[in-house]
Amino acid sequence: MPLFDLPLAQLRSYTSHVTAPEDLGAFWDETVEQARAFPLAATFEKVENYLTVIDTYDVTFAGYGGAPVRGWLHLPATRSEGASRPVVVQYVGYSGGRGLVNEDTKWAQAGYAHFIMDTRGQGFGGIVGHTADPHPSAGDVAFAGLMTRGIAHREDYYYRRVYMDAFRAVEAAQSHPAIDPDQVILAGISQGGGIALATAGLTASRLDGVMAVLADVPFLQDFPHALDIAARGPYTEIASFLTRHRDRYDPILDVLRYFDGVNLVTQATAPVLYSVAQMDDVCPPSTVFASYNAYGAESGGAVDKEIEVYRFNNHEGGQEHHWIRQLQYLRDLVTQR
């Protein structure tokens, strides 16, 4: 498709009009406190993965509300006894789950510990999931999908639960003896990239150990602008909901301010590598640049950040080319430590 958003020169300086609620920090402090009231209870059960070079563990830990969240932990089989290594905590794209036991092991193939978090209530879009979303808001009036689930109240919104699951996934990964708790990399594509960015902001002052973030064509950024220009879902789920609930636009935007990556990433302190595709009609490039330009703002510009632009790609982004870029980026970071 043609380039439909701002020219690249304008994208590089684009900033969102989204403003953070005055009680944003207090809201998330309370959410973290409530989540930590439940024992993490992380378990790692070694399972058969039919691979000779990677060991896999079936993971369960307590997420939001103490509900069990599943995951996989992949480790290189040739690791040294007692040695620990950096871990890539991976969050998955919208509608996907953690997948089958050996479906995605690429970070372990590269020598990292690889922790994949299942996303509650998802796994219906081609990649299987195993984590339910038992929260009562699942029964609210909503558009098909997850974007409007519980959206009437910030306390009940679906992504409050997901972001807190993601926060606790970092704690679960850090609890494994084969993982260096001071070398956590947050990573994801699309929804996964948005969750990684939110987690970077939420952990910055609440949990040590995050050393880098890899956010590939991230979703969940600059909601008001995304609702206006995104041509394909999932943002369009909210827009479609509003075609029938016309009086709820402003209240919904007030709720979304607590979950907008543009507001959350201002607190982030870890180095970050973004990617953006200029023909992306799912996560429009201006929404990604809005997040990138806000990232680490509370640190006064002291945070290291880079963005890779793929001019002729849609939401698939840089794919295998960006994977090589990420490998190079992490190799340099780990070598410097």
Protein backbone atom coordinates (compact mmCIF):
# COMPACT_ATOMS: atom_id res chain seq x y z
CA MET A 1 0.00 0.00 0.00
CA PRO A 2 1.15 3.63 -0.37
CA LEU A 3 2.68 5.74 2.38
CA PHE A 4 -0.38 7.13 4.17
CA ASP A 5 1.05 8.73 7.31
CA LEU A 6 3.33 11.70 7.86
CA PRO A 7 6.61 11.99 5.92
CA LEU A 8 9.58 10.47 7.73
CA ALA A 9 11.10 13.85 8.57
CA GLN A 10 7.90 14.84 10.38
CA LEU A 11 7.52 11.43 12.01
CA ARG A 12 10.91 11.83 13.65
CA SER A 13 9.65 14.83 15.60
CA TYR A 14 6.01 13.80 16.03
CA THR A 15 4.67 13.85 19.58
CA SER A 16 1.31 12.68 20.87
CA HIS A 17 -1.33 14.92 22.42
CA VAL A 18 -2.03 12.22 25.02
CA THR A 19 -1.59 13.47 28.57
CA ALA A 20 -0.86 11.32 31.59
CA PRO A 21 -3.42 11.25 34.43
CA GLU A 22 -2.17 12.92 37.59
CA ASP A 23 -2.58 9.68 39.51
CA LEU A 24 -0.94 7.43 36.89
CA GLY A 25 1.91 6.45 39.21
CA ALA A 26 -0.37 5.89 42.18
CA PHE A 27 -2.72 3.73 40.12
CA TRP A 28 0.10 1.44 39.04
CA ASP A 29 1.71 1.42 42.49
CA GLU A 30 -1.57 0.13 43.86
CA THR A 31 -1.90 -2.42 41.05
CA VAL A 32 1.60 -3.78 41.68
CA GLU A 33 0.95 -3.92 45.42
CA GLN A 34 -2.26 -5.88 44.87
CA ALA A 35 -0.53 -8.31 42.52
CA ARG A 36 2.34 -8.90 44.92
CA ALA A 37 -0.10 -9.70 47.72
CA PHE A 38 -0.32 -13.12 46.08
CA PRO A 39 2.74 -15.40 46.28
CA LEU A 40 4.50 -15.56 42.92
CA ALA A 41 4.58 -19.37 43.20
CA ALA A 42 6.62 -19.76 40.02
CA THR A 43 7.09 -23.39 38.97
CA PHE A 44 9.28 -24.82 36.20
CA GLU A 45 8.58 -28.37 35.06
CA LYS A 46 10.96 -29.83 32.50
CA VAL A 47 9.09 -31.24 29.51
CA GLU A 48 9.91 -33.14 26.32
CA ASN A 49 10.44 -30.75 23.41
CA TYR A 50 11.96 -33.23 20.91
CA LEU A 51 15.03 -30.99 20.53
CA THR A 52 18.58 -32.02 21.38
CA VAL A 53 20.14 -28.58 21.90
CA ILE A 54 17.45 -26.87 23.99
CA ASP A 55 15.82 -27.76 27.30
CA THR A 56 12.25 -26.54 27.85
CA TYR A 57 10.30 -25.96 31.05
CA ASP A 58 6.55 -25.56 31.40
CA VAL A 59 6.10 -22.45 33.55
CA THR A 60 3.25 -21.37 35.79
CA PHE A 61 3.22 -18.27 37.99
CA ALA A 62 0.67 -16.05 39.72
CA GLY A 63 -0.32 -13.05 37.63
CA TYR A 64 -2.92 -10.37 38.23
CA GLY A 65 -5.32 -11.34 41.00
CA GLY A 66 -3.25 -14.43 41.72
CA ALA A 67 -4.61 -16.13 38.59
CA PRO A 68 -2.26 -18.74 37.08
CA VAL A 69 -0.36 -17.61 33.98
CA ARG A 70 1.47 -20.11 31.78
CA GLY A 71 4.67 -19.80 29.83
CA TRP A 72 7.69 -21.58 28.42
CA LEU A 73 11.30 -21.29 29.51
CA HIS A 74 13.81 -22.45 26.89
CA LEU A 75 17.47 -22.88 27.89
CA PRO A 76 20.47 -23.95 25.82
CA ALA A 77 21.15 -27.57 26.77
CA THR A 78 24.94 -27.04 26.81
CA ARG A 79 24.91 -24.47 29.61
CA SER A 80 27.53 -24.73 32.38
CA GLU A 81 26.46 -25.98 35.79
CA GLY A 82 25.77 -23.07 38.14
CA ALA A 83 26.21 -20.42 35.43
CA SER A 84 23.52 -17.85 34.77
CA ARG A 85 22.76 -16.05 31.53
CA PRO A 86 20.71 -13.13 30.20
CA VAL A 87 17.04 -13.82 29.60
CA VAL A 88 14.75 -12.55 26.85
CA VAL A 89 11.24 -12.24 28.27
CA GLN A 90 9.00 -12.38 25.22
CA TYR A 91 5.42 -11.16 24.97
CA VAL A 92 3.32 -12.32 22.03
CA GLY A 93 1.18 -10.61 19.41
CA TYR A 94 -2.57 -10.01 19.59
CA SER A 95 -4.72 -13.16 19.50
CA GLY A 96 -1.67 -15.40 20.01
CA GLY A 97 -0.62 -17.57 22.93
CA ARG A 98 2.64 -19.14 24.01
CA GLY A 99 2.40 -21.72 21.25
CA LEU A 100 3.46 -25.37 21.24
CA VAL A 101 6.43 -26.59 23.25
CA ASN A 102 9.01 -26.08 20.48
CA GLU A 103 7.23 -23.58 18.25
CA ASP A 104 9.47 -20.61 19.05
CA THR A 105 12.93 -21.17 20.52
CA LYS A 106 14.95 -18.64 18.54
CA TRP A 107 16.39 -16.71 21.49
CA ALA A 108 17.59 -19.93 23.11
CA GLN A 109 19.18 -20.85 19.78
CA ALA A 110 21.12 -17.60 20.06
CA GLY A 111 22.38 -18.57 23.53
CA TYR A 112 19.97 -16.64 25.73
CA ALA A 113 17.47 -17.94 28.22
CA HIS A 114 14.10 -17.49 26.50
CA PHE A 115 10.96 -16.96 28.60
CA ILE A 116 7.66 -16.75 26.66
CA MET A 117 4.63 -15.45 28.54
CA ASP A 118 1.21 -16.74 27.56
CA THR A 119 -1.35 -13.91 27.22
CA ARG A 120 -4.49 -14.43 29.28
CA GLY A 121 -7.64 -14.99 27.28
CA GLN A 122 -5.77 -15.23 23.97
CA GLY A 123 -4.49 -18.06 21.82
CA PHE A 124 -7.38 -17.99 19.38
CA GLY A 125 -5.53 -16.56 16.39
CA GLY A 126 -3.42 -19.42 15.09
CA ILE A 127 -0.90 -19.72 17.95
CA VAL A 128 -2.33 -21.74 20.80
CA GLY A 129 -2.62 -20.39 24.35
CA HIS A 130 -3.26 -22.03 27.71
CA THR A 131 -4.16 -19.16 30.08
CA ALA A 132 -7.73 -18.14 30.89
CA ASP A 133 -8.92 -14.66 31.84
CA PRO A 134 -11.28 -15.32 34.76
CA HIS A 135 -11.97 -11.67 35.58
CA PRO A 136 -15.68 -10.71 35.76
CA SER A 137 -15.24 -7.92 33.20
CA ALA A 138 -15.03 -10.61 30.54
CA GLY A 139 -18.83 -10.51 30.58
CA ASP A 140 -19.17 -6.74 30.02
CA VAL A 141 -20.83 -5.23 26.96
CA ALA A 142 -17.99 -5.09 24.46
CA PHE A 143 -17.06 -5.40 20.81
CA ALA A 144 -15.83 -8.79 19.62
CA GLY A 145 -12.22 -9.23 20.66
CA LEU A 146 -10.41 -7.94 23.73
CA MET A 147 -9.81 -4.23 23.19
CA THR A 148 -13.05 -3.10 24.85
CA ARG A 149 -13.22 -5.77 27.56
CA GLY A 150 -13.75 -3.98 30.88
CA ILE A 151 -13.10 -0.61 29.26
CA ALA A 152 -15.77 1.19 31.30
CA HIS A 153 -13.46 1.36 34.33
CA ARG A 154 -9.68 1.54 34.60
CA GLU A 155 -9.73 -1.03 37.42
CA ASP A 156 -11.42 -3.59 35.17
CA TYR A 157 -9.76 -2.92 31.82
CA TYR A 158 -8.29 -6.01 30.20
CA TYR A 159 -4.79 -4.58 29.77
CA ARG A 160 -4.48 -3.82 33.46
CA ARG A 161 -4.41 -7.56 33.96
CA VAL A 162 -2.12 -8.24 31.02
CA TYR A 163 0.41 -5.57 32.00
CA MET A 164 0.53 -6.92 35.53
CA ASP A 165 0.96 -10.48 34.24
CA ALA A 166 3.90 -9.14 32.22
CA PHE A 167 5.41 -7.46 35.28
CA ARG A 168 5.18 -10.68 37.28
CA ALA A 169 6.59 -12.66 34.35
CA VAL A 170 9.83 -10.72 34.82
CA GLU A 171 9.84 -11.66 38.50
CA ALA A 172 9.16 -15.29 37.59
CA ALA A 173 12.02 -15.36 35.07
CA GLN A 174 14.37 -13.78 37.60
CA SER A 175 13.54 -16.50 40.11
CA HIS A 176 15.09 -19.29 38.01
CA PRO A 177 18.68 -20.16 39.01
CA ALA A 178 19.88 -20.40 35.39
CA ILE A 179 18.94 -16.75 34.77
CA ASP A 180 20.94 -13.65 35.66
CA PRO A 181 18.32 -11.43 37.35
CA ASP A 182 20.27 -8.30 36.38
CA GLN A 183 20.19 -9.07 32.65
CA VAL A 184 16.55 -9.11 31.59
CA ILE A 185 15.60 -8.14 28.04
CA LEU A 186 11.95 -7.36 27.29
CA ALA A 187 10.87 -8.17 23.74
CA GLY A 188 7.84 -8.48 21.53
CA ILE A 189 6.21 -7.77 18.19
CA SER A 190 3.00 -5.72 17.81
CA GLN A 191 0.95 -6.34 20.97
CA GLY A 192 4.06 -8.03 22.38
CA GLY A 193 6.09 -4.91 21.67
CA GLY A 194 3.48 -2.74 23.37
CA ILE A 195 3.47 -4.99 26.43
CA ALA A 196 7.27 -4.90 26.53
CA LEU A 197 7.21 -1.09 26.48
CA ALA A 198 4.57 -0.89 29.20
CA THR A 199 6.60 -3.30 31.31
CA ALA A 200 9.73 -1.21 30.78
CA GLY A 201 7.90 1.80 32.21
CA LEU A 202 6.29 -0.10 35.06
CA THR A 203 9.47 -1.85 36.19
CA ALA A 204 11.70 1.23 35.98
CA SER A 205 11.09 2.33 39.57
CA ARG A 206 9.53 -0.85 40.94
CA LEU A 207 11.78 -3.75 39.89
CA ASP A 208 15.50 -3.91 39.12
CA GLY A 209 17.13 -5.95 36.39
CA VAL A 210 15.73 -4.81 33.03
CA MET A 211 18.75 -4.08 30.84
CA ALA A 212 17.16 -3.63 27.39
CA VAL A 213 13.89 -3.49 25.45
CA LEU A 214 13.16 -4.70 21.92
CA ALA A 215 9.87 -3.23 20.68
CA ASP A 216 9.02 -4.31 17.14
CA VAL A 217 6.17 -2.42 15.38
CA PRO A 218 4.55 -1.88 18.80
CA PHE A 219 0.81 -1.78 19.42
CA LEU A 220 -0.99 0.04 22.30
CA GLN A 221 0.63 3.44 21.63
CA ASP A 222 -1.07 6.83 21.16
CA PHE A 223 -4.63 5.48 21.37
CA PRO A 224 -6.56 8.62 20.27
CA HIS A 225 -4.53 9.05 17.10
CA ALA A 226 -4.51 5.32 16.38
CA LEU A 227 -8.32 5.20 16.59
CA ASP A 228 -8.48 7.92 13.94
CA ILE A 229 -6.11 6.46 11.36
CA ALA A 230 -5.58 2.70 11.85
CA ALA A 231 -7.25 0.91 8.93
CA ARG A 232 -7.05 -2.63 10.34
CA GLY A 233 -7.61 -4.14 13.77
CA PRO A 234 -7.19 -4.39 16.65
CA TYR A 235 -7.52 -0.60 17.20
CA THR A 236 -10.60 -0.74 14.99
CA GLU A 237 -12.36 -2.87 17.63
CA ILE A 238 -12.63 0.25 19.79
CA ALA A 239 -13.67 2.41 16.85
CA SER A 240 -16.35 -0.13 15.89
CA PHE A 241 -17.62 -0.22 19.47
CA LEU A 242 -17.95 3.57 19.40
CA THR A 243 -20.06 3.50 16.23
CA ARG A 244 -22.88 2.14 18.44
CA HIS A 245 -21.87 3.70 21.78
CA ARG A 246 -21.38 7.25 20.58
CA ASP A 247 -21.54 8.84 24.02
CA ARG A 248 -18.63 6.85 25.41
CA TYR A 249 -15.73 8.29 23.40
CA ASP A 250 -14.43 10.70 26.06
CA PRO A 251 -14.87 8.28 29.01
CA ILE A 252 -13.08 5.56 27.07
CA LEU A 253 -10.17 7.85 26.23
CA ASP A 254 -9.90 8.76 29.92
CA VAL A 255 -9.54 5.07 30.79
CA LEU A 256 -7.05 4.40 27.99
CA ARG A 257 -4.70 7.13 29.24
CA TYR A 258 -3.69 4.77 32.06
CA PHE A 259 -2.65 2.09 29.54
CA ASP A 260 -1.27 4.16 26.69
CA GLY A 261 2.35 3.29 26.04
CA VAL A 262 3.11 6.94 25.32
CA ASN A 263 2.41 7.74 28.97
CA LEU A 264 4.06 4.67 30.45
CA VAL A 265 7.35 4.79 28.52
CA THR A 266 8.23 8.23 29.85
CA GLN A 267 9.36 6.44 33.03
CA ALA A 268 11.52 3.86 31.23
CA THR A 269 15.27 3.88 31.77
CA ALA A 270 16.54 0.78 29.92
CA PRO A 271 18.14 1.10 26.46
CA VAL A 272 15.61 0.38 23.73
CA LEU A 273 15.52 -0.63 20.08
CA TYR A 274 12.24 0.13 18.30
CA SER A 275 11.24 -0.83 14.79
CA VAL A 276 8.59 0.85 12.66
CA ALA A 277 7.14 0.13 9.22
CA GLN A 278 6.07 3.17 7.23
CA MET A 279 3.23 1.37 5.43
CA ASP A 280 1.87 -0.18 8.64
CA ASP A 281 -1.91 0.30 8.72
CA VAL A 282 -2.28 -1.81 11.90
CA CYS A 283 0.15 0.16 14.10
CA PRO A 284 0.57 3.39 12.11
CA PRO A 285 4.10 4.81 12.09
CA SER A 286 3.08 8.07 13.78
CA THR A 287 1.85 6.11 16.81
CA VAL A 288 5.16 4.27 17.05
CA PHE A 289 7.17 7.48 16.74
CA ALA A 290 4.94 9.10 19.37
CA SER A 291 6.04 6.35 21.75
CA TYR A 292 9.68 6.46 20.68
CA ASN A 293 9.89 10.21 21.14
CA ALA A 294 8.31 9.95 24.60
CA TYR A 295 10.49 7.04 25.74
CA GLY A 296 12.60 7.94 28.76
CA ALA A 297 11.35 11.54 28.82
CA GLU A 298 11.46 11.64 32.62
CA SER A 299 15.20 10.96 32.42
CA GLY A 300 15.82 14.17 30.53
CA GLY A 301 17.05 12.52 27.35
CA ALA A 302 19.67 10.36 29.10
CA VAL A 303 18.21 7.04 27.94
CA ASP A 304 19.84 5.29 24.97
CA LYS A 305 17.27 4.62 22.25
CA GLU A 306 17.32 3.66 18.59
CA ILE A 307 14.67 3.09 15.95
CA GLU A 308 14.93 1.07 12.75
CA VAL A 309 12.67 2.23 9.90
CA TYR A 310 11.34 -0.16 7.24
CA ARG A 311 9.97 2.15 4.57
CA PHE A 312 8.24 -0.36 2.28
CA ASN A 313 6.79 -2.75 4.84
CA ASN A 314 3.36 -3.08 6.36
CA HIS A 315 2.77 -4.63 9.80
CA GLU A 316 5.14 -7.51 9.09
CA GLY A 317 7.95 -5.01 9.68
CA GLY A 318 11.57 -5.99 9.17
CA GLN A 319 11.08 -9.70 9.89
CA GLU A 320 14.32 -11.70 9.43
CA HIS A 321 16.32 -8.54 8.71
CA HIS A 322 15.25 -7.03 12.01
CA TRP A 323 16.02 -10.27 13.86
CA ILE A 324 19.66 -9.89 12.74
CA ARG A 325 19.59 -6.25 13.84
CA GLN A 326 18.31 -7.29 17.28
CA LEU A 327 21.00 -9.96 17.64
CA GLN A 328 23.68 -7.41 16.88
CA TYR A 329 22.13 -4.90 19.26
CA LEU A 330 22.00 -7.34 22.18
CA ARG A 331 25.47 -8.72 21.51
CA ASP A 332 26.89 -5.22 21.81
CA LEU A 333 24.94 -4.50 25.02
CA VAL A 334 25.88 -7.77 26.71
CA THR A 335 29.54 -7.37 25.71
CA GLN A 336 29.64 -3.92 27.30
CA ARG A 337 28.46 -5.22 30.69
